[in-house]
Protein backbone atom coordinates (compact mmCIF):
# COMPACT_ATOMS: atom_id res chain seq x y z
CA MET A 1 -15.16 -47.53 -1.70
CA LYS A 2 -15.61 -45.83 -5.08
CA LYS A 3 -18.40 -43.66 -3.63
CA ILE A 4 -16.11 -42.47 -0.82
CA ILE A 5 -13.30 -41.57 -3.21
CA ALA A 6 -15.72 -39.80 -5.56
CA THR A 7 -17.28 -37.89 -2.65
CA LEU A 8 -13.86 -36.82 -1.32
CA THR A 9 -12.75 -35.73 -4.79
CA ILE A 10 -15.86 -33.61 -5.34
CA PHE A 11 -15.61 -32.15 -1.83
CA SER A 12 -11.93 -31.25 -2.46
CA PHE A 13 -12.77 -29.42 -5.70
CA ILE A 14 -15.64 -27.52 -4.07
CA THR A 15 -13.44 -26.52 -1.13
CA PHE A 16 -10.55 -25.48 -3.37
CA PHE A 17 -12.66 -23.29 -5.65
CA SER A 18 -14.80 -21.73 -2.91
CA PHE A 19 -11.98 -19.62 -1.45
CA PRO A 20 -11.09 -16.33 -3.17
CA ASN A 21 -7.86 -16.07 -5.06
CA PHE A 22 -5.51 -13.52 -3.49
CA SER A 23 -2.93 -11.77 -5.63
CA TYR A 24 -0.75 -8.93 -4.36
CA ALA A 25 1.55 -8.64 -7.36
CA SER A 26 0.64 -5.07 -8.28
CA GLY A 27 2.29 -3.42 -5.27
CA THR A 28 5.29 -3.65 -2.98
CA THR A 29 4.55 -4.33 0.67
CA PHE A 30 5.96 -2.31 3.55
CA GLY A 31 5.50 -1.89 7.27
CA GLY A 32 7.03 0.48 9.72
CA ARG A 33 6.94 3.57 11.88
CA LEU A 34 5.96 6.97 10.53
CA GLY A 35 8.95 9.29 10.78
CA GLY A 36 7.48 12.48 9.38
CA VAL A 37 4.83 14.10 7.21
CA PHE A 38 5.37 16.82 4.62
CA TYR A 39 2.57 18.68 2.81
CA CYS A 40 2.99 18.89 -0.96
CA THR A 41 1.57 22.35 -1.71
CA CYS A 42 1.26 22.13 -5.51
CA SER A 43 -0.03 18.56 -5.77
CA ALA A 44 -2.35 18.73 -2.71
CA SER A 45 -1.02 15.49 -1.23
CA LEU A 46 1.08 14.32 1.72
CA LEU A 47 4.60 12.92 1.61
CA LEU A 48 5.00 10.32 4.36
CA PHE A 49 8.43 9.23 5.53
CA ILE A 50 8.19 5.66 6.82
CA GLN A 51 11.02 3.65 8.38
CA ASP A 52 10.40 0.32 6.63
CA TYR A 53 11.13 -2.69 8.84
CA LYS A 54 11.46 -5.05 5.87
CA THR A 55 14.23 -3.18 4.05
CA GLY A 56 15.61 -1.24 7.01
CA SER A 57 15.61 1.98 5.02
CA PRO A 58 13.28 4.99 4.98
CA LEU A 59 10.61 5.23 2.28
CA ALA A 60 9.20 8.48 0.93
CA LEU A 61 5.63 7.61 -0.05
CA VAL A 62 2.91 9.89 -1.39
CA TYR A 63 -0.57 9.81 0.15
CA GLY A 64 -2.88 11.40 -2.39
CA VAL A 65 -5.29 10.68 -5.24
CA GLY A 66 -5.47 6.91 -5.76
CA SER A 67 -4.43 5.93 -2.23
CA LYS A 68 -6.66 3.30 -0.59
CA LEU A 69 -6.78 3.91 3.17
CA LEU A 70 -8.36 0.86 4.82
CA THR A 71 -8.26 1.89 8.47
CA GLY A 72 -6.89 4.67 10.64
CA SER A 73 -5.52 7.92 9.24
CA PRO A 74 -2.42 8.82 7.23
CA TYR A 75 -1.00 10.26 10.48
CA GLY A 76 -1.05 6.92 12.35
CA LEU A 77 2.19 6.04 14.14
CA TYR A 78 2.59 2.60 12.51
CA GLN A 79 1.86 2.07 8.80
CA LEU A 80 1.26 -1.24 7.04
CA GLY A 81 0.26 -1.94 3.45
CA ASP A 82 1.57 -1.66 -0.07
CA TYR A 83 2.68 0.96 -2.55
CA SER A 84 3.02 1.15 -6.30
CA SER A 85 4.90 3.35 -8.70
CA GLY A 86 3.45 6.78 -9.31
CA GLY A 87 2.34 9.60 -7.11
CA GLN A 88 3.94 13.01 -7.18
CA CYS A 89 4.91 15.46 -4.49
CA ARG A 90 5.17 18.93 -5.99
CA VAL A 91 6.16 21.89 -3.78
CA TYR A 92 5.97 25.61 -4.48
CA VAL A 93 9.39 27.32 -4.40
CA GLY A 94 9.60 31.00 -5.26
CA VAL A 95 8.07 31.34 -8.71
CA GLY A 96 7.02 27.77 -9.56
CA CYS A 97 6.69 24.18 -8.44
CA VAL A 98 9.37 21.49 -8.25
CA THR A 99 8.97 17.72 -7.88
CA ILE A 100 10.41 15.94 -4.85
CA PRO A 101 11.59 12.38 -5.64
CA THR A 102 9.48 9.64 -4.01
CA ASN A 103 9.38 5.85 -3.81
CA GLY A 104 5.76 5.59 -4.95
CA LEU A 105 2.08 5.98 -4.13
CA ILE A 106 1.08 4.53 -0.76
CA GLY A 107 -1.94 2.25 -0.90
CA GLY A 108 -1.92 2.38 -4.68
CA GLY A 109 -1.62 -1.38 -5.10
CA SER A 110 -4.27 -4.06 -4.66
CA VAL A 111 -4.10 -4.26 -0.85
CA GLY A 112 -4.21 -0.63 0.28
CA PHE A 113 -2.84 0.39 3.67
CA GLY A 114 -3.83 0.92 7.26
CA THR A 115 -2.46 2.54 10.38
CA SER A 116 -2.53 2.09 14.11
């Protein structure tokens, strides 16, 4: 009986520690339909407007340097992934560039994002 309990205990520890530890704390998840795309002329990035199903409100997310695209393209109809703070959308107006307010950098967290 002691051998069975010892074997089950060792097997439980091996099973528990053999799976990778997932942590998605660095980003905020979202999922929804792409509503529009705007090109940020000064910052050479895209501003994606996504109707987030989780919050029910639109998100203005930057696709640019630091974005991790896992599958699809940034123009895919449905977007799923995470975003983090950061990312700028700067647009040329007349004699200089201005910054458009955004919710964050799409795919800038630990998960990334994908489209379909």
